Each structure stands twice: as structure tokens, then as C-alpha cells.
Amino acid sequence: MRPSGTAEPGSAGIEEITVSERGAGPYGLTHGPDGAVWFTLVHSGGIGRLGAGGEVTEYPLAAGCAPMVITTGPDGALWFTRNRDHRIGRITVDGTATSFSVPTPAGAPYGIAAGPDGALWCTLMNADRVGRITADGGTTEFPLPVRGGFPGAIAAGPDGALWFTLNQADAVGRITVDGNVTVHPLPTPGAAPVGIASDGTALWFTEIGAGRIGRITPDGAIEEFPLPDPACRPHAVAAASAGECWFTEWGGNRIGRITADGEISEYELPTPSCEPHGIGVGPDGAVWAALETGALARLRP
């Protein structure tokens, strides 16, 4: 266990809480059922927990496993992808960690989300597949019709299906719980979508290659919103309520908010070049972002 994290006030009520060594690489985060913020350490190969009182605990995993995206599962545990050793990890709130291999060798799992069917769903970047994992580790994989699409983040949609980004195909995909896949090409070439999240009525996604935020409804209607800085490289996205979402600007060193009518607000992070990646909204409405340089940022809207 590390000492309590240190907080620094920033613009617009932003504080940065140191949670790891600079090279450990906080990447993805989620709010656990225990009231803590759980996060991945992509470079050091571990899972971190920031408690409500500021205490930080690290749980080491296999060296080089590269944990990336993390989510709360239907079983009350935290589930995460291990990108470089091609496994799906699970950790309980008391810190007991297990992992499960995926059927496709070198599949490189990335995105993960709880589905409406009581299972976890993940993307396999190198295999053009979406996987389904039950609580006991049973895995099924569904091939995608796009080759070299590089599936990224995945989220449960408002229509009972799972939606995911196809980074190299400039598209957003939809898969039903029985494995039927639909692909929606994006209007902008080179969009390179990464993050995706549901606001309860539609899906929001980032276009890291085009400096835009996109929105797609369950019937496939797409809107794109250019951000003020085309080179800001929006990465992850989180939605707290219908008609709005929050996102990180990896290249712009900011946290942003956008509404369905295109209103954009941006908040500079206190530390330059802190590389914001994962983002989430807590039960109290605070917005959290993982900063790859060793901290979590908290924004009080």
C-alpha cells in the first residue's frame, strides 16, 4: 500500500492525485462497487485502487501483461484486459486476482464492458474479433466482417446490443448478444475512432485521427462534432446523462465535455504533457481521468 495520494488544485476545480510512479502508466479506470476508483497500470503491469480516503493500493500482475481497460462486472469484481499476454483479468475488491486466456493466440484484448446478458464482452485488436466471457472464464469469440479493423473500445448500448469502435476501418460496429454484427462506416476518412460510451439514448465516440467527437443512434444515424483543436487527439469517452459526454484529449492535455447540440467545454489539466487516457464519471458527478504520467485527475463540474 502506498501513502495517501497528494492532490493539487488545478483550473476549473481540477485536482491531480498521484497514484503511482511516473513510469507505471495509469491508463484505464472505473468506479468499483466498494466506492473506490480502480485503475490499470499499463507499463508496470498492475491494478491500482484509490480509496475514498485517498489511500492508494497497488496489486502487481505478471510483468509485461499491459492491463488496459477496466470495468465493473456483474459479479461485483473488476474485469480488465491484458493486452500483451492476451488474457482477461479479474480482481475482487479484496485484491484477489485471476486471469483467463482468450481462444485466439495473440488476440491482444483491449476494450471490455459488461453486457446486458450477464457476461463481459471484449475486443481483440489483432484478431478482428469480439469476445464474450462468462463469470467463470468461459469465452466465445465472434469474427468481424472487417479485416484489419483494429477493434478498440466497447460499450453496452441502449438497444441491448454491444457497440465498438473499429480504429483502422474508420467505423463503428454493433454486435447483438447472439453474435450478429453490423458495421457503420464514418463520414470522415482517417477518423480512427477509439473510445465509445452510451448515454442511455445514443453512443458517443472519439475520433482520435480527426480531432472530433461522434454520436451514433441505435438506428445508425451519425453526427460528428469538430473540436477546437484538430490535433487534440481525443481518446476515451464517458457519458453521465443523456445528451452529453466527457472525453480526454490525449494530445491537448485537456478534459472536454460536449452536448448533443454541439456545445463544447474544455478544461486544461494542471500538469503539462500528462497524457490523459481513460475517463469515468463517479456516483457524485465528479469526472475522473487517468494520466499516464502517474496520477488521476478529478474534475468537479
C-alpha atoms as a PDB file:
ATOM      1  CA  MET A   1       0.000   0.000   0.000  1.00  0.00           C
ATOM      2  CA  ARG A   2       1.264   3.475  -0.877  1.00  0.00           C
ATOM      3  CA  PRO A   3       0.788   6.573   1.286  1.00  0.00           C
ATOM      4  CA  SER A   4      -2.350   8.609   0.638  1.00  0.00           C
ATOM      5  CA  GLY A   5      -2.279  10.343  -2.739  1.00  0.00           C
ATOM      6  CA  THR A   6      -1.310  14.002  -2.940  1.00  0.00           C
ATOM      7  CA  ALA A   7      -3.760  16.419  -4.539  1.00  0.00           C
ATOM      8  CA  GLU A   8      -3.004  19.651  -6.380  1.00  0.00           C
ATOM      9  CA  PRO A   9      -5.695  22.180  -7.290  1.00  0.00           C
ATOM     10  CA  GLY A  10      -5.980  22.994 -10.969  1.00  0.00           C
ATOM     11  CA  SER A  11      -8.134  25.008 -13.338  1.00  0.00           C
ATOM     12  CA  ALA A  12     -11.912  24.713 -13.043  1.00  0.00           C
ATOM     13  CA  GLY A  13     -11.705  22.721  -9.834  1.00  0.00           C
ATOM     14  CA  ILE A  14      -9.326  20.056 -11.163  1.00  0.00           C
ATOM     15  CA  GLU A  15      -7.068  18.244  -8.749  1.00  0.00           C
ATOM     16  CA  GLU A  16      -4.399  15.712  -9.623  1.00  0.00           C
ATOM     17  CA  ILE A  17      -3.791  12.818  -7.238  1.00  0.00           C
ATOM     18  CA  THR A  18      -0.501  10.974  -7.523  1.00  0.00           C
ATOM     19  CA  VAL A  19      -1.202   7.234  -7.534  1.00  0.00           C
ATOM     20  CA  SER A  20       1.945   5.616  -8.962  1.00  0.00           C
ATOM     21  CA  GLU A  21       5.496   6.102 -10.081  1.00  0.00           C
ATOM     22  CA  ARG A  22       5.715   8.209 -13.214  1.00  0.00           C
ATOM     23  CA  GLY A  23       6.601   5.251 -15.419  1.00  0.00           C
ATOM     24  CA  ALA A  24       3.831   2.931 -14.182  1.00  0.00           C
ATOM     25  CA  GLY A  25       1.290   4.368 -16.601  1.00  0.00           C
ATOM     26  CA  PRO A  26      -2.274   4.787 -15.250  1.00  0.00           C
ATOM     27  CA  TYR A  27      -4.393   4.086 -18.331  1.00  0.00           C
ATOM     28  CA  GLY A  28      -7.990   2.928 -17.767  1.00  0.00           C
ATOM     29  CA  LEU A  29     -10.258   3.488 -14.777  1.00  0.00           C
ATOM     30  CA  THR A  30     -13.647   2.572 -13.365  1.00  0.00           C
ATOM     31  CA  HIS A  31     -15.611   3.141 -10.185  1.00  0.00           C
ATOM     32  CA  GLY A  32     -15.883  -0.062  -8.186  1.00  0.00           C
ATOM     33  CA  PRO A  33     -18.778  -1.329  -6.076  1.00  0.00           C
ATOM     34  CA  ASP A  34     -16.677  -0.568  -2.968  1.00  0.00           C
ATOM     35  CA  GLY A  35     -16.724   3.189  -3.625  1.00  0.00           C
ATOM     36  CA  ALA A  36     -13.086   3.250  -4.791  1.00  0.00           C
ATOM     37  CA  VAL A  37     -11.581   4.221  -8.134  1.00  0.00           C
ATOM     38  CA  TRP A  38      -9.820   1.257  -9.732  1.00  0.00           C
ATOM     39  CA  PHE A  39      -7.277   1.801 -12.490  1.00  0.00           C
ATOM     40  CA  THR A  40      -4.858  -0.084 -14.708  1.00  0.00           C
ATOM     41  CA  LEU A  41      -1.102   0.448 -14.762  1.00  0.00           C
ATOM     42  CA  VAL A  42      -0.248  -0.355 -18.344  1.00  0.00           C
ATOM     43  CA  HIS A  43       3.543  -0.083 -18.125  1.00  0.00           C
ATOM     44  CA  SER A  44       4.278  -1.625 -14.733  1.00  0.00           C
ATOM     45  CA  GLY A  45       1.676  -4.374 -15.137  1.00  0.00           C
ATOM     46  CA  GLY A  46      -0.621  -3.877 -12.158  1.00  0.00           C
ATOM     47  CA  ILE A  47      -4.010  -2.765 -10.916  1.00  0.00           C
ATOM     48  CA  GLY A  48      -4.407   0.195  -8.585  1.00  0.00           C
ATOM     49  CA  ARG A  49      -7.108   1.223  -6.136  1.00  0.00           C
ATOM     50  CA  LEU A  50      -7.709   4.744  -4.850  1.00  0.00           C
ATOM     51  CA  GLY A  51      -9.925   4.588  -1.784  1.00  0.00           C
ATOM     52  CA  ALA A  52     -12.414   7.230  -0.724  1.00  0.00           C
ATOM     53  CA  GLY A  53      -9.987   8.391   1.973  1.00  0.00           C
ATOM     54  CA  GLY A  54      -7.129   8.865  -0.502  1.00  0.00           C
ATOM     55  CA  GLU A  55      -5.260   5.641   0.247  1.00  0.00           C
ATOM     56  CA  VAL A  56      -3.608   4.020  -2.773  1.00  0.00           C
ATOM     57  CA  THR A  57      -3.064   0.278  -3.087  1.00  0.00           C
ATOM     58  CA  GLU A  58      -1.274  -1.479  -5.948  1.00  0.00           C
ATOM     59  CA  TYR A  59      -1.777  -5.113  -6.933  1.00  0.00           C
ATOM     60  CA  PRO A  60       1.083  -6.359  -9.144  1.00  0.00           C
ATOM     61  CA  LEU A  61       0.324  -8.691 -12.030  1.00  0.00           C
ATOM     62  CA  ALA A  62       2.572 -10.539 -14.474  1.00  0.00           C
ATOM     63  CA  ALA A  63       5.365  -8.366 -15.819  1.00  0.00           C
ATOM     64  CA  GLY A  64       4.655  -7.100 -19.307  1.00  0.00           C
ATOM     65  CA  CYS A  65       0.965  -8.072 -19.350  1.00  0.00           C
ATOM     66  CA  ALA A  66      -0.109  -4.469 -20.145  1.00  0.00           C
ATOM     67  CA  PRO A  67      -3.511  -4.122 -18.431  1.00  0.00           C
ATOM     68  CA  MET A  68      -5.514  -1.521 -20.328  1.00  0.00           C
ATOM     69  CA  VAL A  69      -9.281  -1.101 -19.986  1.00  0.00           C
ATOM     70  CA  ILE A  70     -11.090  -1.971 -16.745  1.00  0.00           C
ATOM     71  CA  THR A  71     -14.778  -2.225 -15.860  1.00  0.00           C
ATOM     72  CA  THR A  72     -17.018  -3.421 -13.066  1.00  0.00           C
ATOM     73  CA  GLY A  73     -18.507  -6.827 -13.804  1.00  0.00           C
ATOM     74  CA  PRO A  74     -21.978  -8.121 -12.951  1.00  0.00           C
ATOM     75  CA  ASP A  75     -20.392 -10.332 -10.279  1.00  0.00           C
ATOM     76  CA  GLY A  76     -19.107  -7.356  -8.261  1.00  0.00           C
ATOM     77  CA  ALA A  77     -15.484  -7.885  -9.316  1.00  0.00           C
ATOM     78  CA  LEU A  78     -13.335  -5.705 -11.571  1.00  0.00           C
ATOM     79  CA  TRP A  79     -12.548  -7.095 -15.020  1.00  0.00           C
ATOM     80  CA  PHE A  80      -9.787  -5.848 -17.296  1.00  0.00           C
ATOM     81  CA  THR A  81      -7.936  -6.633 -20.495  1.00  0.00           C
ATOM     82  CA  ARG A  82      -4.303  -7.760 -20.517  1.00  0.00           C
ATOM     83  CA  ASN A  83      -3.210  -6.666 -23.957  1.00  0.00           C
ATOM     84  CA  ARG A  84       0.276  -8.135 -24.258  1.00  0.00           C
ATOM     85  CA  ASP A  85      -0.172 -11.564 -22.701  1.00  0.00           C
ATOM     86  CA  HIS A  86      -3.596 -11.961 -24.341  1.00  0.00           C
ATOM     87  CA  ARG A  87      -5.652 -12.622 -21.219  1.00  0.00           C
ATOM     88  CA  ILE A  88      -8.712 -11.265 -19.461  1.00  0.00           C
ATOM     89  CA  GLY A  89      -8.100 -10.378 -15.826  1.00  0.00           C
ATOM     90  CA  ARG A  90     -10.438 -10.333 -12.843  1.00  0.00           C
ATOM     91  CA  ILE A  91      -9.776  -8.840  -9.419  1.00  0.00           C
ATOM     92  CA  THR A  92     -12.074  -8.816  -6.419  1.00  0.00           C
ATOM     93  CA  VAL A  93     -12.448  -5.780  -4.176  1.00  0.00           C
ATOM     94  CA  ASP A  94     -10.210  -7.509  -1.616  1.00  0.00           C
ATOM     95  CA  GLY A  95      -7.415  -7.776  -4.199  1.00  0.00           C
ATOM     96  CA  THR A  96      -7.618 -11.440  -5.264  1.00  0.00           C
ATOM     97  CA  ALA A  97      -6.608 -11.578  -8.933  1.00  0.00           C
ATOM     98  CA  THR A  98      -7.160 -14.300 -11.537  1.00  0.00           C
ATOM     99  CA  SER A  99      -6.969 -14.339 -15.314  1.00  0.00           C
ATOM    100  CA  PHE A 100      -8.299 -16.278 -18.298  1.00  0.00           C
ATOM    101  CA  SER A 101      -6.764 -16.870 -21.708  1.00  0.00           C
ATOM    102  CA  VAL A 102      -8.650 -15.979 -24.886  1.00  0.00           C
ATOM    103  CA  PRO A 103      -9.052 -18.632 -27.589  1.00  0.00           C
ATOM    104  CA  THR A 104      -7.256 -16.729 -30.363  1.00  0.00           C
ATOM    105  CA  PRO A 105      -3.458 -16.677 -29.865  1.00  0.00           C
ATOM    106  CA  ALA A 106      -2.003 -13.158 -29.802  1.00  0.00           C
ATOM    107  CA  GLY A 107      -5.503 -11.643 -29.972  1.00  0.00           C
ATOM    108  CA  ALA A 108      -4.474  -8.554 -27.944  1.00  0.00           C
ATOM    109  CA  PRO A 109      -7.661  -7.822 -25.975  1.00  0.00           C
ATOM    110  CA  TYR A 110      -8.308  -4.119 -25.467  1.00  0.00           C
ATOM    111  CA  GLY A 111     -11.841  -2.898 -24.709  1.00  0.00           C
ATOM    112  CA  ILE A 112     -14.106  -4.565 -22.150  1.00  0.00           C
ATOM    113  CA  ALA A 113     -17.637  -3.895 -20.925  1.00  0.00           C
ATOM    114  CA  ALA A 114     -20.417  -5.635 -19.041  1.00  0.00           C
ATOM    115  CA  GLY A 115     -23.169  -6.788 -21.373  1.00  0.00           C
ATOM    116  CA  PRO A 116     -26.926  -6.992 -20.831  1.00  0.00           C
ATOM    117  CA  ASP A 117     -26.681 -10.792 -20.749  1.00  0.00           C
ATOM    118  CA  GLY A 118     -24.680 -11.037 -17.519  1.00  0.00           C
ATOM    119  CA  ALA A 119     -21.377 -11.629 -19.326  1.00  0.00           C
ATOM    120  CA  LEU A 120     -18.338  -9.482 -20.135  1.00  0.00           C
ATOM    121  CA  TRP A 121     -17.632  -8.503 -23.735  1.00  0.00           C
ATOM    122  CA  CYS A 122     -14.209  -7.561 -25.073  1.00  0.00           C
ATOM    123  CA  THR A 123     -12.483  -6.624 -28.307  1.00  0.00           C
ATOM    124  CA  LEU A 124      -9.455  -8.438 -29.736  1.00  0.00           C
ATOM    125  CA  MET A 125      -7.411  -5.835 -31.588  1.00  0.00           C
ATOM    126  CA  ASN A 126      -5.152  -8.164 -33.537  1.00  0.00           C
ATOM    127  CA  ALA A 127      -7.749 -10.808 -34.342  1.00  0.00           C
ATOM    128  CA  ASP A 128     -10.697  -8.848 -35.799  1.00  0.00           C
ATOM    129  CA  ARG A 129     -12.948 -10.455 -33.195  1.00  0.00           C
ATOM    130  CA  VAL A 130     -15.254  -9.622 -30.317  1.00  0.00           C
ATOM    131  CA  GLY A 131     -15.213 -11.958 -27.336  1.00  0.00           C
ATOM    132  CA  ARG A 132     -17.777 -12.877 -24.675  1.00  0.00           C
ATOM    133  CA  ILE A 133     -16.562 -14.015 -21.232  1.00  0.00           C
ATOM    134  CA  THR A 134     -18.727 -15.541 -18.529  1.00  0.00           C
ATOM    135  CA  ALA A 135     -18.032 -15.091 -14.819  1.00  0.00           C
ATOM    136  CA  ASP A 136     -16.297 -18.478 -14.693  1.00  0.00           C
ATOM    137  CA  GLY A 137     -13.994 -17.598 -17.597  1.00  0.00           C
ATOM    138  CA  GLY A 138     -15.773 -19.382 -20.441  1.00  0.00           C
ATOM    139  CA  THR A 139     -15.028 -17.483 -23.647  1.00  0.00           C
ATOM    140  CA  THR A 140     -16.732 -17.341 -27.030  1.00  0.00           C
ATOM    141  CA  GLU A 141     -15.359 -15.318 -29.946  1.00  0.00           C
ATOM    142  CA  PHE A 142     -17.219 -13.779 -32.875  1.00  0.00           C
ATOM    143  CA  PRO A 143     -15.307 -12.911 -36.082  1.00  0.00           C
ATOM    144  CA  LEU A 144     -15.930  -9.488 -37.584  1.00  0.00           C
ATOM    145  CA  PRO A 145     -16.596  -8.877 -41.281  1.00  0.00           C
ATOM    146  CA  VAL A 146     -13.845  -6.219 -41.455  1.00  0.00           C
ATOM    147  CA  ARG A 147     -10.239  -7.342 -41.781  1.00  0.00           C
ATOM    148  CA  GLY A 148      -7.554  -5.199 -40.168  1.00  0.00           C
ATOM    149  CA  GLY A 149     -10.191  -3.046 -38.488  1.00  0.00           C
ATOM    150  CA  PHE A 150      -8.401  -2.956 -35.112  1.00  0.00           C
ATOM    151  CA  PRO A 151     -11.433  -3.072 -32.796  1.00  0.00           C
ATOM    152  CA  GLY A 152     -10.983  -0.721 -29.849  1.00  0.00           C
ATOM    153  CA  ALA A 153     -13.319   0.223 -27.009  1.00  0.00           C
ATOM    154  CA  ILE A 154     -16.682  -1.476 -26.486  1.00  0.00           C
ATOM    155  CA  ALA A 155     -19.831  -0.419 -24.613  1.00  0.00           C
ATOM    156  CA  ALA A 156     -23.318  -1.737 -23.923  1.00  0.00           C
ATOM    157  CA  GLY A 157     -25.814   0.260 -25.950  1.00  0.00           C
ATOM    158  CA  PRO A 158     -29.354   1.403 -25.155  1.00  0.00           C
ATOM    159  CA  ASP A 159     -30.726  -1.170 -27.610  1.00  0.00           C
ATOM    160  CA  GLY A 160     -29.471  -4.312 -25.827  1.00  0.00           C
ATOM    161  CA  ALA A 161     -26.501  -4.748 -28.174  1.00  0.00           C
ATOM    162  CA  LEU A 162     -22.762  -4.045 -27.763  1.00  0.00           C
ATOM    163  CA  TRP A 163     -21.169  -1.222 -29.746  1.00  0.00           C
ATOM    164  CA  PHE A 164     -17.466  -0.936 -30.517  1.00  0.00           C
ATOM    165  CA  THR A 165     -15.033   1.175 -32.490  1.00  0.00           C
ATOM    166  CA  LEU A 166     -13.028  -0.036 -35.477  1.00  0.00           C
ATOM    167  CA  ASN A 167      -9.973   2.185 -35.355  1.00  0.00           C
ATOM    168  CA  GLN A 168      -8.334   1.320 -38.676  1.00  0.00           C
ATOM    169  CA  ALA A 169     -11.600   0.842 -40.571  1.00  0.00           C
ATOM    170  CA  ASP A 170     -12.963   4.297 -39.642  1.00  0.00           C
ATOM    171  CA  ALA A 171     -16.171   2.673 -38.489  1.00  0.00           C
ATOM    172  CA  VAL A 172     -18.372   1.810 -35.509  1.00  0.00           C
ATOM    173  CA  GLY A 173     -19.646  -1.734 -35.096  1.00  0.00           C
ATOM    174  CA  ARG A 174     -22.655  -3.254 -33.383  1.00  0.00           C
ATOM    175  CA  ILE A 175     -22.945  -6.850 -32.192  1.00  0.00           C
ATOM    176  CA  THR A 176     -26.010  -8.492 -30.697  1.00  0.00           C
ATOM    177  CA  VAL A 177     -25.694 -10.899 -27.787  1.00  0.00           C
ATOM    178  CA  ASP A 178     -26.171 -13.794 -30.249  1.00  0.00           C
ATOM    179  CA  GLY A 179     -23.294 -12.574 -32.437  1.00  0.00           C
ATOM    180  CA  ASN A 180     -24.900 -10.707 -35.345  1.00  0.00           C
ATOM    181  CA  VAL A 181     -22.624  -7.870 -36.483  1.00  0.00           C
ATOM    182  CA  THR A 182     -23.400  -4.604 -38.291  1.00  0.00           C
ATOM    183  CA  VAL A 183     -20.729  -2.103 -39.339  1.00  0.00           C
ATOM    184  CA  HIS A 184     -21.403   1.629 -39.727  1.00  0.00           C
ATOM    185  CA  PRO A 185     -18.728   3.498 -41.741  1.00  0.00           C
ATOM    186  CA  LEU A 186     -17.953   7.005 -40.505  1.00  0.00           C
ATOM    187  CA  PRO A 187     -18.259  10.055 -42.780  1.00  0.00           C
ATOM    188  CA  THR A 188     -14.715  11.314 -42.109  1.00  0.00           C
ATOM    189  CA  PRO A 189     -11.743   9.428 -43.614  1.00  0.00           C
ATOM    190  CA  GLY A 190      -8.953   8.902 -41.101  1.00  0.00           C
ATOM    191  CA  ALA A 191     -11.269   9.341 -38.138  1.00  0.00           C
ATOM    192  CA  ALA A 192      -9.611   6.418 -36.280  1.00  0.00           C
ATOM    193  CA  PRO A 193     -12.239   6.041 -33.514  1.00  0.00           C
ATOM    194  CA  VAL A 194     -11.077   4.737 -30.123  1.00  0.00           C
ATOM    195  CA  GLY A 195     -13.360   5.350 -27.108  1.00  0.00           C
ATOM    196  CA  ILE A 196     -17.099   4.713 -27.034  1.00  0.00           C
ATOM    197  CA  ALA A 197     -19.799   5.057 -24.356  1.00  0.00           C
ATOM    198  CA  SER A 198     -23.586   5.078 -24.114  1.00  0.00           C
ATOM    199  CA  ASP A 199     -25.557   7.955 -22.630  1.00  0.00           C
ATOM    200  CA  GLY A 200     -28.728   5.828 -22.443  1.00  0.00           C
ATOM    201  CA  THR A 201     -30.153   7.020 -25.776  1.00  0.00           C
ATOM    202  CA  ALA A 202     -27.158   7.065 -28.160  1.00  0.00           C
ATOM    203  CA  LEU A 203     -23.454   6.173 -28.330  1.00  0.00           C
ATOM    204  CA  TRP A 204     -20.670   8.756 -28.184  1.00  0.00           C
ATOM    205  CA  PHE A 205     -17.212   8.021 -29.583  1.00  0.00           C
ATOM    206  CA  THR A 206     -13.881   9.751 -30.099  1.00  0.00           C
ATOM    207  CA  GLU A 207     -12.161  10.269 -33.439  1.00  0.00           C
ATOM    208  CA  ILE A 208      -8.511  10.424 -32.422  1.00  0.00           C
ATOM    209  CA  GLY A 209      -7.326  10.855 -36.001  1.00  0.00           C
ATOM    210  CA  ALA A 210      -9.702  13.686 -36.928  1.00  0.00           C
ATOM    211  CA  GLY A 211      -9.993  15.662 -33.683  1.00  0.00           C
ATOM    212  CA  ARG A 212     -13.735  15.088 -33.473  1.00  0.00           C
ATOM    213  CA  ILE A 213     -16.382  13.602 -31.209  1.00  0.00           C
ATOM    214  CA  GLY A 214     -19.007  11.439 -32.863  1.00  0.00           C
ATOM    215  CA  ARG A 215     -22.507  10.384 -31.865  1.00  0.00           C
ATOM    216  CA  ILE A 216     -24.456   7.443 -33.305  1.00  0.00           C
ATOM    217  CA  THR A 217     -28.052   6.492 -32.555  1.00  0.00           C
ATOM    218  CA  PRO A 218     -29.209   2.859 -32.414  1.00  0.00           C
ATOM    219  CA  ASP A 219     -30.640   3.194 -35.925  1.00  0.00           C
ATOM    220  CA  GLY A 220     -27.208   4.160 -37.271  1.00  0.00           C
ATOM    221  CA  ALA A 221     -27.580   7.928 -37.714  1.00  0.00           C
ATOM    222  CA  ILE A 222     -24.155   9.569 -37.219  1.00  0.00           C
ATOM    223  CA  GLU A 223     -23.197  13.103 -36.222  1.00  0.00           C
ATOM    224  CA  GLU A 224     -19.636  14.407 -35.945  1.00  0.00           C
ATOM    225  CA  PHE A 225     -18.529  17.441 -33.940  1.00  0.00           C
ATOM    226  CA  PRO A 226     -15.134  19.034 -34.721  1.00  0.00           C
ATOM    227  CA  LEU A 227     -13.193  20.090 -31.626  1.00  0.00           C
ATOM    228  CA  PRO A 228     -11.486  23.496 -31.415  1.00  0.00           C
ATOM    229  CA  ASP A 229      -8.021  21.919 -31.661  1.00  0.00           C
ATOM    230  CA  PRO A 230      -7.933  19.449 -34.583  1.00  0.00           C
ATOM    231  CA  ALA A 231      -4.696  17.946 -33.217  1.00  0.00           C
ATOM    232  CA  CYS A 232      -6.004  17.316 -29.670  1.00  0.00           C
ATOM    233  CA  ARG A 233      -6.327  13.539 -30.247  1.00  0.00           C
ATOM    234  CA  PRO A 234      -9.478  12.715 -28.236  1.00  0.00           C
ATOM    235  CA  HIS A 235      -9.050   9.279 -26.718  1.00  0.00           C
ATOM    236  CA  ALA A 236     -11.588   7.989 -24.193  1.00  0.00           C
ATOM    237  CA  VAL A 237     -15.190   8.982 -23.561  1.00  0.00           C
ATOM    238  CA  ALA A 238     -17.685   8.650 -20.705  1.00  0.00           C
ATOM    239  CA  ALA A 239     -21.355   9.595 -20.536  1.00  0.00           C
ATOM    240  CA  ALA A 240     -23.173  10.542 -17.333  1.00  0.00           C
ATOM    241  CA  SER A 241     -26.574  11.515 -18.698  1.00  0.00           C
ATOM    242  CA  ALA A 242     -28.485  11.600 -21.963  1.00  0.00           C
ATOM    243  CA  GLY A 243     -27.340  14.240 -24.411  1.00  0.00           C
ATOM    244  CA  GLU A 244     -23.816  14.846 -23.101  1.00  0.00           C
ATOM    245  CA  CYS A 245     -20.462  13.173 -22.693  1.00  0.00           C
ATOM    246  CA  TRP A 246     -16.981  13.770 -21.309  1.00  0.00           C
ATOM    247  CA  PHE A 247     -13.746  12.931 -23.091  1.00  0.00           C
ATOM    248  CA  THR A 248      -9.978  13.103 -22.736  1.00  0.00           C
ATOM    249  CA  GLU A 249      -7.715  14.966 -25.133  1.00  0.00           C
ATOM    250  CA  TRP A 250      -4.531  12.934 -25.156  1.00  0.00           C
ATOM    251  CA  GLY A 251      -2.682  15.399 -27.384  1.00  0.00           C
ATOM    252  CA  GLY A 252      -4.342  18.534 -25.987  1.00  0.00           C
ATOM    253  CA  ASN A 253      -3.767  17.902 -22.262  1.00  0.00           C
ATOM    254  CA  ARG A 254      -7.415  18.597 -21.520  1.00  0.00           C
ATOM    255  CA  ILE A 255     -10.688  17.097 -20.360  1.00  0.00           C
ATOM    256  CA  GLY A 256     -13.662  18.052 -22.501  1.00  0.00           C
ATOM    257  CA  ARG A 257     -17.443  17.988 -22.389  1.00  0.00           C
ATOM    258  CA  ILE A 258     -19.847  18.072 -25.317  1.00  0.00           C
ATOM    259  CA  THR A 259     -23.632  18.162 -25.570  1.00  0.00           C
ATOM    260  CA  ALA A 260     -25.894  16.789 -28.290  1.00  0.00           C
ATOM    261  CA  ASP A 261     -26.356  20.287 -29.731  1.00  0.00           C
ATOM    262  CA  GLY A 262     -22.594  20.658 -30.144  1.00  0.00           C
ATOM    263  CA  GLU A 263     -21.755  22.864 -27.161  1.00  0.00           C
ATOM    264  CA  ILE A 264     -18.135  22.172 -26.149  1.00  0.00           C
ATOM    265  CA  SER A 265     -16.336  22.980 -22.893  1.00  0.00           C
ATOM    266  CA  GLU A 266     -12.656  22.207 -22.317  1.00  0.00           C
ATOM    267  CA  TYR A 267     -10.625  22.152 -19.102  1.00  0.00           C
ATOM    268  CA  GLU A 268      -6.835  22.392 -19.061  1.00  0.00           C
ATOM    269  CA  LEU A 269      -5.076  19.868 -16.854  1.00  0.00           C
ATOM    270  CA  PRO A 270      -2.624  21.393 -14.351  1.00  0.00           C
ATOM    271  CA  THR A 271       0.401  19.292 -15.348  1.00  0.00           C
ATOM    272  CA  PRO A 272       1.752  19.768 -18.891  1.00  0.00           C
ATOM    273  CA  SER A 273       2.038  16.699 -21.131  1.00  0.00           C
ATOM    274  CA  CYS A 274       0.337  14.403 -18.583  1.00  0.00           C
ATOM    275  CA  GLU A 275      -1.197  12.158 -21.296  1.00  0.00           C
ATOM    276  CA  PRO A 276      -4.845  11.732 -20.220  1.00  0.00           C
ATOM    277  CA  HIS A 277      -6.321   8.409 -21.284  1.00  0.00           C
ATOM    278  CA  GLY A 278      -9.240   6.668 -19.543  1.00  0.00           C
ATOM    279  CA  ILE A 279     -12.173   8.665 -18.155  1.00  0.00           C
ATOM    280  CA  GLY A 280     -15.195   7.988 -15.984  1.00  0.00           C
ATOM    281  CA  VAL A 281     -17.937   9.762 -14.048  1.00  0.00           C
ATOM    282  CA  GLY A 282     -18.350   8.920 -10.371  1.00  0.00           C
ATOM    283  CA  PRO A 283     -21.578   8.483  -8.396  1.00  0.00           C
ATOM    284  CA  ASP A 284     -21.233  12.066  -7.118  1.00  0.00           C
ATOM    285  CA  GLY A 285     -20.933  13.501 -10.637  1.00  0.00           C
ATOM    286  CA  ALA A 286     -17.188  14.131 -10.436  1.00  0.00           C
ATOM    287  CA  VAL A 287     -15.231  13.353 -13.602  1.00  0.00           C
ATOM    288  CA  TRP A 288     -12.062  11.275 -13.264  1.00  0.00           C
ATOM    289  CA  ALA A 289      -9.284  10.773 -15.797  1.00  0.00           C
ATOM    290  CA  ALA A 290      -6.224   8.528 -15.769  1.00  0.00           C
ATOM    291  CA  LEU A 291      -2.988  10.391 -16.517  1.00  0.00           C
ATOM    292  CA  GLU A 292      -0.293   8.144 -17.910  1.00  0.00           C
ATOM    293  CA  THR A 293       2.423  10.107 -16.135  1.00  0.00           C
ATOM    294  CA  GLY A 294       1.343   8.742 -12.723  1.00  0.00           C
ATOM    295  CA  ALA A 295      -1.814  10.453 -11.469  1.00  0.00           C
ATOM    296  CA  LEU A 296      -5.595  10.545 -11.538  1.00  0.00           C
ATOM    297  CA  ALA A 297      -7.322  13.844 -12.252  1.00  0.00           C
ATOM    298  CA  ARG A 298     -10.642  14.762 -10.614  1.00  0.00           C
ATOM    299  CA  LEU A 299     -12.842  17.482 -12.077  1.00  0.00           C
ATOM    300  CA  ARG A 300     -15.776  18.883 -10.127  1.00  0.00           C
ATOM    301  CA  PRO A 301     -18.136  20.248 -12.796  1.00  0.00           C
END
